[in-house]
Amino acid sequence: MQFSLKVSSYQKNITLNICDSKLLGKNIIQDKLNMNISKSYYGEKLVEKVEAKLLLKNSSIINIVGKEIVSLAIQLGIGSKNGIKIISGIPFLIVFKI
């Protein structure tokens, strides 16, 4: 399984935007909510599971979209099942590490 991501940093905080690669470029629409999983936000590079784990563990702010990557984050103890939102069947999770 590959994941698509973009990493940025600001004042010692690493922000990770990561999604299941198959979702890249798609729009997820539910009611009045329209979420664009854009290449500019999530498409800087593709990584395998091993690198995704390291980035999840070392990032301060994480935007996570997709069944596989949200599941991996929860397995690693990053985020909470209670924080997962479902948009048209696609799990979405935002994590802020303090």
PDB file of N, CA and C in Angstrom:
ATOM      1  N   MET A   1       0.849  -1.188   0.000  1.00  0.00           N
ATOM      2  CA  MET A   1       0.000   0.000   0.000  1.00  0.00           C
ATOM      3  C   MET A   1       0.882   1.234   0.000  1.00  0.00           C
ATOM      4  N   GLN A   2       0.578   2.155  -0.880  1.00  0.00           N
ATOM      5  CA  GLN A   2       1.292   3.425  -0.929  1.00  0.00           C
ATOM      6  C   GLN A   2       0.408   4.545  -0.402  1.00  0.00           C
ATOM      7  N   PHE A   3       1.072   5.559   0.120  1.00  0.00           N
ATOM      8  CA  PHE A   3       0.391   6.735   0.633  1.00  0.00           C
ATOM      9  C   PHE A   3       0.969   7.959  -0.045  1.00  0.00           C
ATOM     10  N   SER A   4       0.124   8.935  -0.276  1.00  0.00           N
ATOM     11  CA  SER A   4       0.546  10.186  -0.891  1.00  0.00           C
ATOM     12  C   SER A   4       0.585  11.250   0.195  1.00  0.00           C
ATOM     13  N   LEU A   5       1.608  12.102   0.161  1.00  0.00           N
ATOM     14  CA  LEU A   5       1.753  13.055   1.255  1.00  0.00           C
ATOM     15  C   LEU A   5       2.454  14.332   0.845  1.00  0.00           C
ATOM     16  N   LYS A   6       2.318  15.296   1.742  1.00  0.00           N
ATOM     17  CA  LYS A   6       3.067  16.540   1.648  1.00  0.00           C
ATOM     18  C   LYS A   6       3.477  16.917   3.063  1.00  0.00           C
ATOM     19  N   VAL A   7       4.730  17.305   3.233  1.00  0.00           N
ATOM     20  CA  VAL A   7       5.267  17.691   4.535  1.00  0.00           C
ATOM     21  C   VAL A   7       5.691  19.156   4.469  1.00  0.00           C
ATOM     22  N   SER A   8       5.373  19.892   5.525  1.00  0.00           N
ATOM     23  CA  SER A   8       5.863  21.267   5.648  1.00  0.00           C
ATOM     24  C   SER A   8       6.224  21.516   7.104  1.00  0.00           C
ATOM     25  N   SER A   9       7.031  22.535   7.337  1.00  0.00           N
ATOM     26  CA  SER A   9       7.399  22.839   8.713  1.00  0.00           C
ATOM     27  C   SER A   9       7.317  24.341   8.954  1.00  0.00           C
ATOM     28  N   TYR A  10       7.005  24.676  10.209  1.00  0.00           N
ATOM     29  CA  TYR A  10       6.899  26.063  10.615  1.00  0.00           C
ATOM     30  C   TYR A  10       7.175  26.134  12.114  1.00  0.00           C
ATOM     31  N   GLN A  11       8.150  26.903  12.510  1.00  0.00           N
ATOM     32  CA  GLN A  11       8.518  27.101  13.909  1.00  0.00           C
ATOM     33  C   GLN A  11       8.619  25.776  14.674  1.00  0.00           C
ATOM     34  N   LYS A  12       9.429  24.880  14.182  1.00  0.00           N
ATOM     35  CA  LYS A  12       9.712  23.585  14.801  1.00  0.00           C
ATOM     36  C   LYS A  12       8.536  22.611  14.815  1.00  0.00           C
ATOM     37  N   ASN A  13       7.446  22.937  14.116  1.00  0.00           N
ATOM     38  CA  ASN A  13       6.314  22.026  13.989  1.00  0.00           C
ATOM     39  C   ASN A  13       6.302  21.446  12.586  1.00  0.00           C
ATOM     40  N   ILE A  14       6.168  20.139  12.508  1.00  0.00           N
ATOM     41  CA  ILE A  14       6.086  19.465  11.215  1.00  0.00           C
ATOM     42  C   ILE A  14       4.626  19.153  10.941  1.00  0.00           C
ATOM     43  N   THR A  15       4.134  19.624   9.800  1.00  0.00           N
ATOM     44  CA  THR A  15       2.774  19.336   9.374  1.00  0.00           C
ATOM     45  C   THR A  15       2.823  18.274   8.289  1.00  0.00           C
ATOM     46  N   LEU A  16       2.020  17.234   8.470  1.00  0.00           N
ATOM     47  CA  LEU A  16       1.942  16.133   7.522  1.00  0.00           C
ATOM     48  C   LEU A  16       0.517  16.029   7.002  1.00  0.00           C
ATOM     49  N   ASN A  17       0.364  16.123   5.700  1.00  0.00           N
ATOM     50  CA  ASN A  17      -0.912  15.860   5.029  1.00  0.00           C
ATOM     51  C   ASN A  17      -0.721  14.535   4.307  1.00  0.00           C
ATOM     52  N   ILE A  18      -1.493  13.515   4.670  1.00  0.00           N
ATOM     53  CA  ILE A  18      -1.274  12.183   4.117  1.00  0.00           C
ATOM     54  C   ILE A  18      -2.605  11.502   3.826  1.00  0.00           C
ATOM     55  N   CYS A  19      -2.645  10.788   2.707  1.00  0.00           N
ATOM     56  CA  CYS A  19      -3.862  10.081   2.321  1.00  0.00           C
ATOM     57  C   CYS A  19      -3.508   8.760   1.642  1.00  0.00           C
ATOM     58  N   ASP A  20      -4.502   7.873   1.560  1.00  0.00           N
ATOM     59  CA  ASP A  20      -4.351   6.673   0.751  1.00  0.00           C
ATOM     60  C   ASP A  20      -4.131   7.149  -0.686  1.00  0.00           C
ATOM     61  N   SER A  21      -3.140   6.619  -1.369  1.00  0.00           N
ATOM     62  CA  SER A  21      -2.782   7.142  -2.692  1.00  0.00           C
ATOM     63  C   SER A  21      -3.932   7.053  -3.698  1.00  0.00           C
ATOM     64  N   LYS A  22      -4.798   6.074  -3.551  1.00  0.00           N
ATOM     65  CA  LYS A  22      -5.907   5.923  -4.500  1.00  0.00           C
ATOM     66  C   LYS A  22      -6.931   7.063  -4.394  1.00  0.00           C
ATOM     67  N   LEU A  23      -6.873   7.847  -3.321  1.00  0.00           N
ATOM     68  CA  LEU A  23      -7.804   8.966  -3.141  1.00  0.00           C
ATOM     69  C   LEU A  23      -7.304  10.274  -3.739  1.00  0.00           C
ATOM     70  N   LEU A  24      -6.031  10.333  -4.079  1.00  0.00           N
ATOM     71  CA  LEU A  24      -5.433  11.571  -4.583  1.00  0.00           C
ATOM     72  C   LEU A  24      -6.166  12.062  -5.835  1.00  0.00           C
ATOM     73  N   GLY A  25      -6.542  13.338  -5.807  1.00  0.00           N
ATOM     74  CA  GLY A  25      -7.233  13.944  -6.937  1.00  0.00           C
ATOM     75  C   GLY A  25      -8.748  13.789  -6.913  1.00  0.00           C
ATOM     76  N   LYS A  26      -9.282  13.136  -5.895  1.00  0.00           N
ATOM     77  CA  LYS A  26     -10.731  12.912  -5.817  1.00  0.00           C
ATOM     78  C   LYS A  26     -11.415  13.974  -4.973  1.00  0.00           C
ATOM     79  N   ASN A  27     -12.694  14.150  -5.236  1.00  0.00           N
ATOM     80  CA  ASN A  27     -13.568  14.984  -4.416  1.00  0.00           C
ATOM     81  C   ASN A  27     -14.463  14.059  -3.616  1.00  0.00           C
ATOM     82  N   ILE A  28     -14.579  14.329  -2.345  1.00  0.00           N
ATOM     83  CA  ILE A  28     -15.487  13.575  -1.490  1.00  0.00           C
ATOM     84  C   ILE A  28     -16.616  14.532  -1.123  1.00  0.00           C
ATOM     85  N   ILE A  29     -17.827  14.156  -1.484  1.00  0.00           N
ATOM     86  CA  ILE A  29     -18.960  15.040  -1.274  1.00  0.00           C
ATOM     87  C   ILE A  29     -20.003  14.347  -0.405  1.00  0.00           C
ATOM     88  N   GLN A  30     -20.438  15.055   0.621  1.00  0.00           N
ATOM     89  CA  GLN A  30     -21.521  14.583   1.480  1.00  0.00           C
ATOM     90  C   GLN A  30     -22.317  15.792   1.939  1.00  0.00           C
ATOM     91  N   ASP A  31     -23.592  15.801   1.618  1.00  0.00           N
ATOM     92  CA  ASP A  31     -24.468  16.930   1.921  1.00  0.00           C
ATOM     93  C   ASP A  31     -23.840  18.213   1.362  1.00  0.00           C
ATOM     94  N   LYS A  32     -23.600  19.196   2.193  1.00  0.00           N
ATOM     95  CA  LYS A  32     -23.014  20.460   1.719  1.00  0.00           C
ATOM     96  C   LYS A  32     -21.491  20.479   1.833  1.00  0.00           C
ATOM     97  N   LEU A  33     -20.903  19.391   2.290  1.00  0.00           N
ATOM     98  CA  LEU A  33     -19.457  19.314   2.463  1.00  0.00           C
ATOM     99  C   LEU A  33     -18.807  18.760   1.205  1.00  0.00           C
ATOM    100  N   ASN A  34     -17.803  19.460   0.701  1.00  0.00           N
ATOM    101  CA  ASN A  34     -17.053  19.030  -0.467  1.00  0.00           C
ATOM    102  C   ASN A  34     -15.573  19.078  -0.122  1.00  0.00           C
ATOM    103  N   MET A  35     -14.942  17.916  -0.001  1.00  0.00           N
ATOM    104  CA  MET A  35     -13.529  17.845   0.355  1.00  0.00           C
ATOM    105  C   MET A  35     -12.727  17.413  -0.870  1.00  0.00           C
ATOM    106  N   ASN A  36     -11.808  18.275  -1.297  1.00  0.00           N
ATOM    107  CA  ASN A  36     -10.962  17.989  -2.447  1.00  0.00           C
ATOM    108  C   ASN A  36      -9.620  17.460  -1.952  1.00  0.00           C
ATOM    109  N   ILE A  37      -9.312  16.233  -2.303  1.00  0.00           N
ATOM    110  CA  ILE A  37      -8.026  15.634  -1.914  1.00  0.00           C
ATOM    111  C   ILE A  37      -7.048  15.954  -3.046  1.00  0.00           C
ATOM    112  N   SER A  38      -6.554  17.173  -3.003  1.00  0.00           N
ATOM    113  CA  SER A  38      -5.785  17.728  -4.114  1.00  0.00           C
ATOM    114  C   SER A  38      -4.320  17.318  -4.104  1.00  0.00           C
ATOM    115  N   LYS A  39      -3.742  17.327  -5.303  1.00  0.00           N
ATOM    116  CA  LYS A  39      -2.316  17.042  -5.443  1.00  0.00           C
ATOM    117  C   LYS A  39      -1.480  18.125  -4.781  1.00  0.00           C
ATOM    118  N   SER A  40      -1.964  19.364  -4.771  1.00  0.00           N
ATOM    119  CA  SER A  40      -1.189  20.446  -4.161  1.00  0.00           C
ATOM    120  C   SER A  40      -1.133  20.299  -2.634  1.00  0.00           C
ATOM    121  N   TYR A  41      -2.117  19.647  -2.041  1.00  0.00           N
ATOM    122  CA  TYR A  41      -2.170  19.507  -0.583  1.00  0.00           C
ATOM    123  C   TYR A  41      -1.644  18.154  -0.103  1.00  0.00           C
ATOM    124  N   TYR A  42      -1.866  17.094  -0.887  1.00  0.00           N
ATOM    125  CA  TYR A  42      -1.488  15.749  -0.476  1.00  0.00           C
ATOM    126  C   TYR A  42      -0.512  15.056  -1.428  1.00  0.00           C
ATOM    127  N   GLY A  43      -0.116  15.703  -2.516  1.00  0.00           N
ATOM    128  CA  GLY A  43       0.577  14.976  -3.574  1.00  0.00           C
ATOM    129  C   GLY A  43       2.032  15.275  -3.814  1.00  0.00           C
ATOM    130  N   GLU A  44       2.779  15.621  -2.790  1.00  0.00           N
ATOM    131  CA  GLU A  44       4.197  15.927  -2.986  1.00  0.00           C
ATOM    132  C   GLU A  44       5.011  14.681  -3.332  1.00  0.00           C
ATOM    133  N   LYS A  45       4.727  13.561  -2.639  1.00  0.00           N
ATOM    134  CA  LYS A  45       5.452  12.326  -2.941  1.00  0.00           C
ATOM    135  C   LYS A  45       4.679  11.104  -2.458  1.00  0.00           C
ATOM    136  N   LEU A  46       5.028   9.946  -3.022  1.00  0.00           N
ATOM    137  CA  LEU A  46       4.449   8.670  -2.619  1.00  0.00           C
ATOM    138  C   LEU A  46       5.424   7.942  -1.715  1.00  0.00           C
ATOM    139  N   VAL A  47       4.898   7.317  -0.660  1.00  0.00           N
ATOM    140  CA  VAL A  47       5.740   6.548   0.252  1.00  0.00           C
ATOM    141  C   VAL A  47       5.081   5.206   0.568  1.00  0.00           C
ATOM    142  N   GLU A  48       5.912   4.296   1.012  1.00  0.00           N
ATOM    143  CA  GLU A  48       5.428   2.993   1.466  1.00  0.00           C
ATOM    144  C   GLU A  48       5.102   3.077   2.959  1.00  0.00           C
ATOM    145  N   LYS A  49       4.561   2.007   3.483  1.00  0.00           N
ATOM    146  CA  LYS A  49       4.093   1.953   4.867  1.00  0.00           C
ATOM    147  C   LYS A  49       5.183   2.286   5.889  1.00  0.00           C
ATOM    148  N   VAL A  50       6.394   1.811   5.684  1.00  0.00           N
ATOM    149  CA  VAL A  50       7.489   2.027   6.645  1.00  0.00           C
ATOM    150  C   VAL A  50       7.777   3.522   6.807  1.00  0.00           C
ATOM    151  N   GLU A  51       7.891   4.233   5.693  1.00  0.00           N
ATOM    152  CA  GLU A  51       8.164   5.674   5.765  1.00  0.00           C
ATOM    153  C   GLU A  51       6.960   6.434   6.314  1.00  0.00           C
ATOM    154  N   ALA A  52       5.760   5.984   5.963  1.00  0.00           N
ATOM    155  CA  ALA A  52       4.542   6.621   6.480  1.00  0.00           C
ATOM    156  C   ALA A  52       4.499   6.527   8.006  1.00  0.00           C
ATOM    157  N   LYS A  53       4.880   5.378   8.562  1.00  0.00           N
ATOM    158  CA  LYS A  53       4.906   5.207  10.022  1.00  0.00           C
ATOM    159  C   LYS A  53       5.846   6.211  10.676  1.00  0.00           C
ATOM    160  N   LEU A  54       7.041   6.366  10.125  1.00  0.00           N
ATOM    161  CA  LEU A  54       8.018   7.314  10.682  1.00  0.00           C
ATOM    162  C   LEU A  54       7.493   8.745  10.641  1.00  0.00           C
ATOM    163  N   LEU A  55       6.900   9.117   9.537  1.00  0.00           N
ATOM    164  CA  LEU A  55       6.371  10.475   9.407  1.00  0.00           C
ATOM    165  C   LEU A  55       5.201  10.709  10.360  1.00  0.00           C
ATOM    166  N   LEU A  56       4.330   9.722  10.509  1.00  0.00           N
ATOM    167  CA  LEU A  56       3.212   9.852  11.446  1.00  0.00           C
ATOM    168  C   LEU A  56       3.721  10.053  12.874  1.00  0.00           C
ATOM    169  N   LYS A  57       4.738   9.295  13.237  1.00  0.00           N
ATOM    170  CA  LYS A  57       5.279   9.374  14.597  1.00  0.00           C
ATOM    171  C   LYS A  57       5.987  10.702  14.863  1.00  0.00           C
ATOM    172  N   ASN A  58       6.596  11.308  13.835  1.00  0.00           N
ATOM    173  CA  ASN A  58       7.435  12.482  14.029  1.00  0.00           C
ATOM    174  C   ASN A  58       6.797  13.812  13.648  1.00  0.00           C
ATOM    175  N   SER A  59       5.540  13.803  13.266  1.00  0.00           N
ATOM    176  CA  SER A  59       4.871  15.039  12.864  1.00  0.00           C
ATOM    177  C   SER A  59       4.036  15.607  14.006  1.00  0.00           C
ATOM    178  N   SER A  60       3.889  16.928  14.015  1.00  0.00           N
ATOM    179  CA  SER A  60       3.159  17.622  15.077  1.00  0.00           C
ATOM    180  C   SER A  60       1.683  17.815  14.747  1.00  0.00           C
ATOM    181  N   ILE A  61       1.412  18.133  13.496  1.00  0.00           N
ATOM    182  CA  ILE A  61       0.047  18.365  13.024  1.00  0.00           C
ATOM    183  C   ILE A  61      -0.157  17.442  11.829  1.00  0.00           C
ATOM    184  N   ILE A  62      -1.213  16.618  11.888  1.00  0.00           N
ATOM    185  CA  ILE A  62      -1.383  15.614  10.843  1.00  0.00           C
ATOM    186  C   ILE A  62      -2.819  15.624  10.330  1.00  0.00           C
ATOM    187  N   ASN A  63      -2.969  15.753   9.018  1.00  0.00           N
ATOM    188  CA  ASN A  63      -4.251  15.628   8.329  1.00  0.00           C
ATOM    189  C   ASN A  63      -4.236  14.272   7.627  1.00  0.00           C
ATOM    190  N   ILE A  64      -5.147  13.383   7.989  1.00  0.00           N
ATOM    191  CA  ILE A  64      -5.111  11.997   7.528  1.00  0.00           C
ATOM    192  C   ILE A  64      -6.443  11.665   6.848  1.00  0.00           C
ATOM    193  N   VAL A  65      -6.374  11.152   5.605  1.00  0.00           N
ATOM    194  CA  VAL A  65      -7.590  10.787   4.877  1.00  0.00           C
ATOM    195  C   VAL A  65      -7.419   9.412   4.242  1.00  0.00           C
ATOM    196  N   GLY A  66      -8.375   8.523   4.527  1.00  0.00           N
ATOM    197  CA  GLY A  66      -8.384   7.208   3.894  1.00  0.00           C
ATOM    198  C   GLY A  66      -8.394   6.073   4.906  1.00  0.00           C
ATOM    199  N   LYS A  67      -9.023   4.990   4.529  1.00  0.00           N
ATOM    200  CA  LYS A  67      -9.186   3.849   5.436  1.00  0.00           C
ATOM    201  C   LYS A  67      -7.851   3.257   5.886  1.00  0.00           C
ATOM    202  N   GLU A  68      -6.936   3.078   4.949  1.00  0.00           N
ATOM    203  CA  GLU A  68      -5.660   2.433   5.277  1.00  0.00           C
ATOM    204  C   GLU A  68      -4.791   3.297   6.192  1.00  0.00           C
ATOM    205  N   ILE A  69      -4.646   4.567   5.854  1.00  0.00           N
ATOM    206  CA  ILE A  69      -3.742   5.427   6.626  1.00  0.00           C
ATOM    207  C   ILE A  69      -4.348   5.802   7.972  1.00  0.00           C
ATOM    208  N   VAL A  70      -5.657   5.993   8.052  1.00  0.00           N
ATOM    209  CA  VAL A  70      -6.290   6.263   9.345  1.00  0.00           C
ATOM    210  C   VAL A  70      -6.137   5.042  10.246  1.00  0.00           C
ATOM    211  N   SER A  71      -6.339   3.861   9.693  1.00  0.00           N
ATOM    212  CA  SER A  71      -6.170   2.622  10.459  1.00  0.00           C
ATOM    213  C   SER A  71      -4.739   2.484  10.975  1.00  0.00           C
ATOM    214  N   LEU A  72      -3.761   2.787  10.136  1.00  0.00           N
ATOM    215  CA  LEU A  72      -2.353   2.721  10.545  1.00  0.00           C
ATOM    216  C   LEU A  72      -2.078   3.707  11.678  1.00  0.00           C
ATOM    217  N   ALA A  73      -2.586   4.920  11.567  1.00  0.00           N
ATOM    218  CA  ALA A  73      -2.382   5.926  12.620  1.00  0.00           C
ATOM    219  C   ALA A  73      -2.955   5.445  13.948  1.00  0.00           C
ATOM    220  N   ILE A  74      -4.154   4.897  13.928  1.00  0.00           N
ATOM    221  CA  ILE A  74      -4.792   4.405  15.156  1.00  0.00           C
ATOM    222  C   ILE A  74      -3.981   3.251  15.751  1.00  0.00           C
ATOM    223  N   GLN A  75      -3.486   2.346  14.906  1.00  0.00           N
ATOM    224  CA  GLN A  75      -2.640   1.231  15.375  1.00  0.00           C
ATOM    225  C   GLN A  75      -1.388   1.739  16.066  1.00  0.00           C
ATOM    226  N   LEU A  76      -0.862   2.870  15.600  1.00  0.00           N
ATOM    227  CA  LEU A  76       0.354   3.455  16.179  1.00  0.00           C
ATOM    228  C   LEU A  76       0.056   4.296  17.423  1.00  0.00           C
ATOM    229  N   GLY A  77      -1.214   4.419  17.778  1.00  0.00           N
ATOM    230  CA  GLY A  77      -1.588   5.227  18.937  1.00  0.00           C
ATOM    231  C   GLY A  77      -1.639   6.712  18.633  1.00  0.00           C
ATOM    232  N   ILE A  78      -1.731   7.042  17.358  1.00  0.00           N
ATOM    233  CA  ILE A  78      -1.798   8.438  16.926  1.00  0.00           C
ATOM    234  C   ILE A  78      -3.252   8.757  16.632  1.00  0.00           C
ATOM    235  N   GLY A  79      -3.799   9.675  17.402  1.00  0.00           N
ATOM    236  CA  GLY A  79      -5.209   9.996  17.255  1.00  0.00           C
ATOM    237  C   GLY A  79      -6.081   9.023  18.034  1.00  0.00           C
ATOM    238  N   SER A  80      -7.370   9.242  17.944  1.00  0.00           N
ATOM    239  CA  SER A  80      -8.343   8.436  18.672  1.00  0.00           C
ATOM    240  C   SER A  80      -9.469   8.024  17.735  1.00  0.00           C
ATOM    241  N   LYS A  81     -10.008   6.852  17.947  1.00  0.00           N
ATOM    242  CA  LYS A  81     -11.157   6.416  17.145  1.00  0.00           C
ATOM    243  C   LYS A  81     -12.311   7.399  17.281  1.00  0.00           C
ATOM    244  N   ASN A  82     -12.430   8.044  18.457  1.00  0.00           N
ATOM    245  CA  ASN A  82     -13.495   9.019  18.670  1.00  0.00           C
ATOM    246  C   ASN A  82     -13.324  10.266  17.809  1.00  0.00           C
ATOM    247  N   GLY A  83     -12.107  10.536  17.341  1.00  0.00           N
ATOM    248  CA  GLY A  83     -11.843  11.717  16.532  1.00  0.00           C
ATOM    249  C   GLY A  83     -12.057  11.514  15.045  1.00  0.00           C
ATOM    250  N   ILE A  84     -12.291  10.285  14.641  1.00  0.00           N
ATOM    251  CA  ILE A  84     -12.464   9.990  13.218  1.00  0.00           C
ATOM    252  C   ILE A  84     -13.838  10.463  12.747  1.00  0.00           C
ATOM    253  N   LYS A  85     -13.836  11.198  11.662  1.00  0.00           N
ATOM    254  CA  LYS A  85     -15.070  11.616  11.000  1.00  0.00           C
ATOM    255  C   LYS A  85     -15.179  10.848   9.689  1.00  0.00           C
ATOM    256  N   ILE A  86     -16.388  10.512   9.308  1.00  0.00           N
ATOM    257  CA  ILE A  86     -16.615   9.788   8.062  1.00  0.00           C
ATOM    258  C   ILE A  86     -17.313  10.718   7.076  1.00  0.00           C
ATOM    259  N   ILE A  87     -16.705  10.883   5.912  1.00  0.00           N
ATOM    260  CA  ILE A  87     -17.265  11.715   4.859  1.00  0.00           C
ATOM    261  C   ILE A  87     -17.488  10.815   3.641  1.00  0.00           C
ATOM    262  N   SER A  88     -18.740  10.550   3.320  1.00  0.00           N
ATOM    263  CA  SER A  88     -19.086   9.648   2.207  1.00  0.00           C
ATOM    264  C   SER A  88     -18.339   8.315   2.296  1.00  0.00           C
ATOM    265  N   GLY A  89     -18.256   7.772   3.496  1.00  0.00           N
ATOM    266  CA  GLY A  89     -17.622   6.468   3.697  1.00  0.00           C
ATOM    267  C   GLY A  89     -16.107   6.509   3.826  1.00  0.00           C
ATOM    268  N   ILE A  90     -15.500   7.684   3.715  1.00  0.00           N
ATOM    269  CA  ILE A  90     -14.046   7.834   3.797  1.00  0.00           C
ATOM    270  C   ILE A  90     -13.684   8.425   5.153  1.00  0.00           C
ATOM    271  N   PRO A  91     -12.858   7.727   5.952  1.00  0.00           N
ATOM    272  CA  PRO A  91     -12.453   8.276   7.250  1.00  0.00           C
ATOM    273  C   PRO A  91     -11.460   9.427   7.109  1.00  0.00           C
ATOM    274  N   PHE A  92     -11.618  10.397   7.996  1.00  0.00           N
ATOM    275  CA  PHE A  92     -10.790  11.604   8.013  1.00  0.00           C
ATOM    276  C   PHE A  92     -10.444  11.897   9.462  1.00  0.00           C
ATOM    277  N   LEU A  93      -9.189  12.207   9.732  1.00  0.00           N
ATOM    278  CA  LEU A  93      -8.735  12.450  11.098  1.00  0.00           C
ATOM    279  C   LEU A  93      -7.704  13.575  11.100  1.00  0.00           C
ATOM    280  N   ILE A  94      -7.842  14.490  12.041  1.00  0.00           N
ATOM    281  CA  ILE A  94      -6.854  15.556  12.222  1.00  0.00           C
ATOM    282  C   ILE A  94      -6.267  15.373  13.617  1.00  0.00           C
ATOM    283  N   VAL A  95      -4.933  15.395  13.718  1.00  0.00           N
ATOM    284  CA  VAL A  95      -4.244  15.181  14.980  1.00  0.00           C
ATOM    285  C   VAL A  95      -3.308  16.359  15.258  1.00  0.00           C
ATOM    286  N   PHE A  96      -3.396  16.891  16.473  1.00  0.00           N
ATOM    287  CA  PHE A  96      -2.479  17.926  16.949  1.00  0.00           C
ATOM    288  C   PHE A  96      -1.744  17.340  18.133  1.00  0.00           C
ATOM    289  N   LYS A  97      -0.435  17.187  18.029  1.00  0.00           N
ATOM    290  CA  LYS A  97       0.360  16.693  19.145  1.00  0.00           C
ATOM    291  C   LYS A  97       0.888  17.888  19.929  1.00  0.00           C
ATOM    292  N   ILE A  98       0.722  17.834  21.239  1.00  0.00           N
ATOM    293  CA  ILE A  98       1.190  18.933  22.080  1.00  0.00           C
ATOM    294  C   ILE A  98       2.398  18.487  22.881  1.00  0.00           C
TER     295      ILE A  98
END
